[in-house]
């Protein structure tokens, strides 16, 4: 028994050392598809494709930090219709880790600065899953002039997490286990074995699948992700109204959730609808909380429906002002050139 324990410990040590070396090589050999922009002392990753307006901006849920991998199928479909952008919060994907507090307010400020410094232009339709849904809702409340619509994928407000401490305990235990598997390289081995089964996947999807696996075993539940979970327990509930800004809450059935907790989840989503005079909640039968990753075609369908049926053609005030200034500058340039 002692020899088995020592043998297991030795293998664990070898796996950990190998993984710590390989993860640096992985990130070196797989450069970010988008742009790394300095926000304060750290860099944040943003990537966009397609043309058109409004710009769809996606934010991932807590822990699973690779937005392009999470939304790839939806991204590749909707980029044919309009501009689609994904970004990685600090500690996620290709973005650096940061010492900044991971409160929703700070996360919103980081995103606002990222959009300001990038070449992306609104108006934005914000799409977020889980914690990312809470994030984008508060972004719309803080910066309504930049946003023309919000789609929450099974998200709630901070009040739910403050009331249901059991969710925090579950998230914390998940973080500890996932962090151990990530740090020791065990998760790398498990996901590599899973990749061997993916023989019939088209090449573009296979490439994204490998990148997703790489980000999972290198960055899943990073320290910044844990800080987000901790901050969410103390998050402030914003009461700012959205006016007639379209708000769609796409809700999973979550039949496996405890009855009392599930009712709190539903009640919280229903209360969010009061933030806008143009809001709707759609319940997806037979789905769980992870449907954006497991069933991406549903997300594509719901966003397309949202754009066709709920989205206002009104351009936010700030974007309108920027567009008018741009037109005036172009007119002045043409006149000067003509003279």
Protein backbone atom coordinates (compact mmCIF):
# COMPACT_ATOMS: atom_id res chain seq x y z
CA UNK A 1 0.00 0.00 0.00
CA UNK A 2 2.87 2.36 0.86
CA UNK A 3 4.51 1.65 -2.50
CA UNK A 4 1.23 2.36 -4.31
CA UNK A 5 0.86 5.68 -2.49
CA UNK A 6 4.46 6.66 -3.29
CA UNK A 7 3.99 5.57 -6.89
CA UNK A 8 0.82 7.63 -7.24
CA UNK A 9 2.54 10.62 -5.66
CA UNK A 10 5.47 10.33 -8.07
CA UNK A 11 3.15 10.15 -11.10
CA UNK A 12 1.22 13.15 -9.80
CA UNK A 13 4.48 15.11 -9.43
CA UNK A 14 5.61 14.21 -12.96
CA UNK A 15 2.18 15.12 -14.37
CA UNK A 16 2.20 18.47 -12.57
CA UNK A 17 5.71 19.45 -13.70
CA UNK A 18 5.00 18.37 -17.29
CA UNK A 19 1.72 20.28 -17.36
CA UNK A 20 3.21 23.48 -15.94
CA UNK A 21 5.83 23.43 -18.70
CA UNK A 22 3.43 22.45 -21.48
CA UNK A 23 0.83 25.13 -20.71
CA UNK A 24 3.37 27.86 -21.48
CA UNK A 25 4.20 26.12 -24.75
CA UNK A 26 0.48 25.75 -25.56
CA UNK A 27 -0.16 29.48 -25.21
CA UNK A 28 2.99 30.30 -27.20
CA UNK A 29 2.06 27.96 -30.06
CA UNK A 30 -1.58 29.05 -30.14
CA UNK A 31 -1.60 32.86 -30.42
CA UNK A 32 -4.89 34.69 -29.86
CA UNK A 33 -7.11 35.03 -32.94
CA UNK A 34 -7.98 38.59 -31.99
CA UNK A 35 -6.26 41.57 -30.44
CA UNK A 36 -4.69 41.96 -27.00
CA UNK A 37 -5.42 45.46 -25.69
CA UNK A 38 -3.80 46.99 -22.62
CA UNK A 39 -6.36 47.86 -19.97
CA UNK A 40 -4.48 49.34 -17.06
CA UNK A 41 -1.46 47.12 -16.44
CA UNK A 42 -2.92 44.01 -18.07
CA UNK A 43 -3.97 42.87 -21.53
CA UNK A 44 -7.47 41.81 -22.52
CA UNK A 45 -8.41 39.74 -25.58
CA UNK A 46 -11.15 40.75 -28.04
CA UNK A 47 -12.02 39.16 -31.38
CA UNK A 48 -14.63 40.03 -34.01
CA UNK A 49 -15.80 38.91 -37.44
CA UNK A 50 -18.54 39.90 -39.87
CA UNK A 51 -20.04 43.21 -40.89
CA UNK A 52 -23.22 45.03 -40.04
CA UNK A 53 -25.06 46.66 -37.20
CA UNK A 54 -25.83 46.16 -34.39
CA UNK A 55 -22.71 44.43 -33.09
CA UNK A 56 -23.37 41.27 -31.11
CA UNK A 57 -21.05 41.07 -28.10
CA UNK A 58 -20.73 37.77 -26.21
CA UNK A 59 -19.59 37.14 -22.63
CA UNK A 60 -19.05 33.66 -21.19
CA UNK A 61 -20.19 32.24 -17.87
CA UNK A 62 -18.11 31.88 -14.72
CA UNK A 63 -15.19 29.47 -14.69
CA UNK A 64 -15.35 28.32 -18.32
CA UNK A 65 -13.11 31.01 -19.70
CA UNK A 66 -12.90 30.79 -23.46
CA UNK A 67 -15.67 32.81 -25.06
CA UNK A 68 -14.90 31.88 -28.66
CA UNK A 69 -14.96 28.17 -27.84
CA UNK A 70 -18.19 28.48 -25.87
CA UNK A 71 -19.97 30.40 -28.63
CA UNK A 72 -18.16 29.21 -31.75
CA UNK A 73 -21.19 27.65 -33.50
CA UNK A 74 -23.37 30.69 -32.80
CA UNK A 75 -20.49 33.03 -33.68
CA UNK A 76 -19.86 31.37 -37.07
CA UNK A 77 -23.57 31.43 -37.97
CA UNK A 78 -24.42 34.99 -36.95
CA UNK A 79 -21.24 36.57 -38.36
CA UNK A 80 -22.84 36.06 -41.77
CA UNK A 81 -25.63 38.38 -40.68
CA UNK A 82 -23.92 41.11 -38.64
CA UNK A 83 -20.77 41.97 -36.71
CA UNK A 84 -20.10 39.46 -33.91
CA UNK A 85 -17.53 39.99 -31.15
CA UNK A 86 -16.32 37.84 -28.27
CA UNK A 87 -14.02 38.90 -25.46
CA UNK A 88 -12.27 37.19 -22.54
CA UNK A 89 -12.52 38.67 -19.07
CA UNK A 90 -9.30 38.93 -17.07
CA UNK A 91 -8.14 35.46 -16.04
CA UNK A 92 -10.01 33.86 -18.96
CA UNK A 93 -8.91 32.71 -22.42
CA UNK A 94 -5.97 34.72 -23.76
CA UNK A 95 -6.53 37.66 -21.41
CA UNK A 96 -4.01 38.22 -18.62
CA UNK A 97 -4.79 37.62 -14.98
CA UNK A 98 -5.24 40.80 -12.98
CA UNK A 99 -4.94 42.14 -9.46
CA UNK A 100 -8.02 44.33 -9.93
CA UNK A 101 -11.08 43.42 -7.84
CA UNK A 102 -13.47 41.14 -9.74
CA UNK A 103 -16.67 42.95 -8.84
CA UNK A 104 -19.34 43.39 -11.50
CA UNK A 105 -18.72 47.13 -11.44
CA UNK A 106 -15.00 46.65 -12.16
CA UNK A 107 -15.72 44.03 -14.83
CA UNK A 108 -18.10 46.48 -16.52
CA UNK A 109 -15.49 49.24 -16.37
CA UNK A 110 -12.88 46.92 -17.90
CA UNK A 111 -15.22 46.06 -20.78
CA UNK A 112 -16.17 49.70 -21.32
CA UNK A 113 -12.50 50.66 -21.63
CA UNK A 114 -11.82 47.67 -23.89
CA UNK A 115 -14.58 48.70 -26.30
CA UNK A 116 -13.37 52.31 -26.20
CA UNK A 117 -9.79 51.30 -27.05
CA UNK A 118 -10.68 48.67 -29.67
CA UNK A 119 -11.81 49.27 -33.23
CA UNK A 120 -15.25 47.83 -32.46
CA UNK A 121 -18.26 50.13 -32.79
CA UNK A 122 -21.76 49.84 -31.45
CA UNK A 123 -24.58 49.92 -30.96
CA UNK A 124 -24.17 46.64 -29.09
CA UNK A 125 -26.52 43.78 -28.42
CA UNK A 126 -25.05 42.13 -25.33
CA UNK A 127 -25.30 38.35 -24.91
CA UNK A 128 -24.17 36.61 -21.73
CA UNK A 129 -24.50 33.20 -20.13
CA UNK A 130 -24.92 32.61 -16.39
CA UNK A 131 -22.58 35.02 -14.56
CA UNK A 132 -21.89 36.60 -17.96
CA UNK A 133 -25.63 37.33 -18.25
CA UNK A 134 -25.58 39.17 -14.92
CA UNK A 135 -22.51 41.05 -16.15
CA UNK A 136 -24.02 42.24 -19.44
CA UNK A 137 -27.28 43.29 -17.77
CA UNK A 138 -25.39 45.53 -15.37
CA UNK A 139 -23.27 46.86 -18.24
CA UNK A 140 -26.49 47.92 -19.99
CA UNK A 141 -27.68 49.57 -16.77
CA UNK A 142 -24.39 51.45 -16.35
CA UNK A 143 -23.84 52.37 -20.02
CA UNK A 144 -27.30 52.40 -21.67
CA UNK A 145 -26.17 54.81 -24.40
CA UNK A 146 -23.92 52.11 -25.88
CA UNK A 147 -26.44 49.27 -25.77
CA UNK A 148 -29.44 48.59 -27.96
CA UNK A 149 -30.48 45.19 -26.55
CA UNK A 150 -29.67 42.48 -23.99
CA UNK A 151 -30.02 38.69 -24.22
CA UNK A 152 -29.54 36.81 -20.95
CA UNK A 153 -28.89 33.08 -21.31
CA UNK A 154 -30.21 31.56 -18.08
CA UNK A 155 -28.92 34.40 -15.94
CA UNK A 156 -30.17 36.02 -12.76
CA UNK A 157 -29.26 39.01 -10.58
CA UNK A 158 -26.83 39.01 -7.61
CA UNK A 159 -29.74 38.81 -5.17
CA UNK A 160 -30.30 35.15 -6.10
CA UNK A 161 -26.76 34.18 -5.13
CA UNK A 162 -26.96 36.16 -1.90
CA UNK A 163 -30.17 34.39 -0.93
CA UNK A 164 -29.07 30.89 -1.95
CA UNK A 165 -25.74 30.32 -0.23
CA UNK A 166 -25.87 26.66 -1.29
CA UNK A 167 -25.04 27.75 -4.85
CA UNK A 168 -21.89 29.43 -3.57
CA UNK A 169 -20.85 26.25 -1.72
CA UNK A 170 -21.40 24.18 -4.88
CA UNK A 171 -19.45 26.66 -7.00
CA UNK A 172 -16.62 26.76 -4.46
CA UNK A 173 -16.32 22.96 -4.29
CA UNK A 174 -16.39 22.82 -8.10
CA UNK A 175 -13.62 25.43 -8.20
CA UNK A 176 -11.42 23.50 -5.76
CA UNK A 177 -11.80 20.19 -7.61
CA UNK A 178 -11.39 21.74 -11.08
CA UNK A 179 -8.37 23.76 -9.94
CA UNK A 180 -6.69 20.62 -8.58
CA UNK A 181 -7.33 18.72 -11.83
CA UNK A 182 -6.06 21.69 -13.84
CA UNK A 183 -2.93 22.37 -11.77
CA UNK A 184 -1.81 18.73 -11.67
CA UNK A 185 -2.42 18.12 -15.38
CA UNK A 186 -5.01 15.41 -14.77
CA UNK A 187 -7.60 17.43 -16.68
CA UNK A 188 -5.18 17.64 -19.62
CA UNK A 189 -4.97 13.83 -19.76
CA UNK A 190 -8.75 13.39 -19.54
CA UNK A 191 -9.47 15.92 -22.30
CA UNK A 192 -6.71 14.53 -24.52
CA UNK A 193 -8.33 11.11 -24.26
CA UNK A 194 -11.66 12.68 -25.20
CA UNK A 195 -10.08 14.29 -28.29
CA UNK A 196 -9.19 10.82 -29.63
CA UNK A 197 -12.91 10.15 -30.07
CA UNK A 198 -13.46 13.24 -32.23
CA UNK A 199 -12.52 11.73 -35.58
CA UNK A 200 -15.49 12.80 -37.70
CA UNK A 201 -15.51 16.51 -36.85
CA UNK A 202 -14.92 18.98 -39.73
CA UNK A 203 -11.53 20.68 -39.56
CA UNK A 204 -12.68 24.18 -38.42
CA UNK A 205 -14.73 22.68 -35.58
CA UNK A 206 -11.88 20.32 -34.69
CA UNK A 207 -9.51 23.27 -34.41
CA UNK A 208 -11.86 25.14 -32.09
CA UNK A 209 -12.52 21.96 -30.11
CA UNK A 210 -8.78 21.55 -29.50
CA UNK A 211 -8.44 25.20 -28.49
CA UNK A 212 -11.40 24.82 -26.14
CA UNK A 213 -9.80 21.76 -24.55
CA UNK A 214 -6.50 23.62 -24.25
CA UNK A 215 -8.18 26.54 -22.50
CA UNK A 216 -10.08 24.13 -20.24
CA UNK A 217 -7.01 22.31 -18.94
CA UNK A 218 -4.95 25.50 -18.76
CA UNK A 219 -7.37 28.16 -17.48
CA UNK A 220 -10.60 26.62 -16.21
CA UNK A 221 -11.58 28.16 -12.85
CA UNK A 222 -8.60 30.49 -12.65
CA UNK A 223 -8.01 32.52 -9.45
CA UNK A 224 -9.76 35.47 -11.10
CA UNK A 225 -12.80 33.25 -11.73
CA UNK A 226 -12.94 32.36 -8.02
CA UNK A 227 -12.71 36.05 -7.16
CA UNK A 228 -15.73 36.69 -9.40
CA UNK A 229 -17.72 34.06 -7.51
CA UNK A 230 -16.73 35.55 -4.16
CA UNK A 231 -17.58 39.09 -5.29
CA UNK A 232 -20.95 37.96 -6.62
CA UNK A 233 -22.01 37.02 -3.08
CA UNK A 234 -21.66 40.70 -2.16
CA UNK A 235 -22.75 42.16 -5.50
CA UNK A 236 -25.00 45.17 -5.54
CA UNK A 237 -28.45 44.93 -7.09
CA UNK A 238 -28.78 47.76 -9.61
CA UNK A 239 -32.24 49.27 -9.86
CA UNK A 240 -31.55 51.36 -12.96
CA UNK A 241 -34.33 50.97 -15.51
CA UNK A 242 -33.60 50.21 -19.17
CA UNK A 243 -36.55 52.13 -20.58
CA UNK A 244 -37.79 50.38 -23.72
CA UNK A 245 -34.46 48.64 -24.40
CA UNK A 246 -35.25 45.08 -25.58
CA UNK A 247 -34.46 42.49 -22.90
CA UNK A 248 -34.78 38.76 -23.57
CA UNK A 249 -34.26 36.24 -20.76
CA UNK A 250 -33.77 32.78 -22.27
CA UNK A 251 -34.36 30.39 -19.39
CA UNK A 252 -33.45 26.73 -19.02
CA UNK A 253 -35.99 24.40 -17.47
CA UNK A 254 -33.38 23.24 -14.91
CA UNK A 255 -35.62 20.36 -13.84
CA UNK A 256 -32.78 18.82 -11.80
CA UNK A 257 -32.49 21.90 -9.56
CA UNK A 258 -34.03 21.68 -6.10
CA UNK A 259 -37.64 22.84 -6.16
CA UNK A 260 -37.27 25.80 -3.77
CA UNK A 261 -34.08 27.01 -5.43
CA UNK A 262 -35.59 26.60 -8.89
CA UNK A 263 -38.57 28.73 -7.86
CA UNK A 264 -36.20 31.43 -6.58
CA UNK A 265 -34.38 31.27 -9.91
CA UNK A 266 -37.64 31.72 -11.83
CA UNK A 267 -38.85 34.52 -9.54
CA UNK A 268 -35.56 36.36 -9.93
CA UNK A 269 -35.75 36.18 -13.72
CA UNK A 270 -39.36 37.38 -13.64
CA UNK A 271 -38.35 40.41 -11.56
CA UNK A 272 -35.66 41.30 -14.09
CA UNK A 273 -38.34 41.75 -16.75
CA UNK A 274 -39.60 44.82 -14.88
CA UNK A 275 -36.36 46.63 -15.75
CA UNK A 276 -37.58 47.15 -19.33
CA UNK A 277 -40.94 47.92 -20.88
CA UNK A 278 -39.88 45.73 -23.82
CA UNK A 279 -38.94 42.46 -22.12
CA UNK A 280 -39.73 38.78 -22.50
CA UNK A 281 -38.80 35.50 -20.82
CA UNK A 282 -38.71 32.31 -22.89
CA UNK A 283 -38.54 28.95 -21.13
CA UNK A 284 -36.70 26.15 -22.96
CA UNK A 285 -38.21 22.80 -22.06
CA UNK A 286 -35.83 19.89 -21.55
CA UNK A 287 -32.70 22.03 -21.12
CA UNK A 288 -30.27 22.56 -18.26
CA UNK A 289 -28.10 25.49 -17.30
CA UNK A 290 -25.34 24.57 -19.75
CA UNK A 291 -27.52 24.64 -22.88
CA UNK A 292 -25.46 27.42 -24.57
CA UNK A 293 -22.53 24.98 -24.74
CA UNK A 294 -24.46 21.72 -25.16
CA UNK A 295 -27.10 23.02 -27.58
CA UNK A 296 -25.63 26.05 -29.40
CA UNK A 297 -28.23 25.89 -32.16
CA UNK A 298 -30.83 27.04 -29.62
CA UNK A 299 -28.78 30.14 -28.84
CA UNK A 300 -28.48 30.95 -32.55
CA UNK A 301 -32.23 30.58 -33.03
CA UNK A 302 -33.13 32.71 -30.00
CA UNK A 303 -30.76 35.54 -30.92
CA UNK A 304 -32.05 35.53 -34.50
CA UNK A 305 -35.63 35.66 -33.17
CA UNK A 306 -34.66 38.50 -30.83
CA UNK A 307 -33.15 40.55 -33.67
CA UNK A 308 -36.16 39.94 -35.93
CA UNK A 309 -38.90 40.50 -33.37
CA UNK A 310 -37.73 42.58 -30.42
CA UNK A 311 -34.78 44.67 -31.48
CA UNK A 312 -35.49 48.33 -31.97
CA UNK A 313 -33.97 50.10 -34.94
CA UNK A 314 -33.29 53.10 -32.73
CA UNK A 315 -29.58 53.87 -32.41
CA UNK A 316 -28.42 54.70 -28.87
CA UNK A 317 -27.86 58.39 -28.26
CA UNK A 318 -24.08 58.23 -27.88
CA UNK A 319 -23.64 56.12 -31.00
CA UNK A 320 -25.89 58.50 -32.93
CA UNK A 321 -23.72 61.42 -31.84
CA UNK A 322 -20.54 59.58 -32.87
CA UNK A 323 -22.05 58.68 -36.25
CA UNK A 324 -23.10 62.29 -36.86
CA UNK A 325 -19.62 63.52 -35.98
CA UNK A 326 -18.11 60.94 -38.32
CA UNK A 327 -20.39 62.04 -41.17
CA UNK A 328 -19.52 65.69 -40.55
CA UNK A 329 -15.79 64.91 -40.57
CA UNK A 330 -16.14 62.92 -43.80
CA UNK A 331 -18.06 65.78 -45.43
CA UNK A 332 -15.38 68.27 -44.34
CA UNK A 333 -12.64 65.99 -45.67
CA UNK A 334 -14.36 65.61 -49.04
CA UNK A 335 -14.92 69.38 -49.30
CA UNK A 336 -11.27 70.09 -48.43
CA UNK A 337 -10.11 67.51 -50.95
CA UNK A 338 -12.39 68.95 -53.60
CA UNK A 339 -11.08 72.48 -52.98
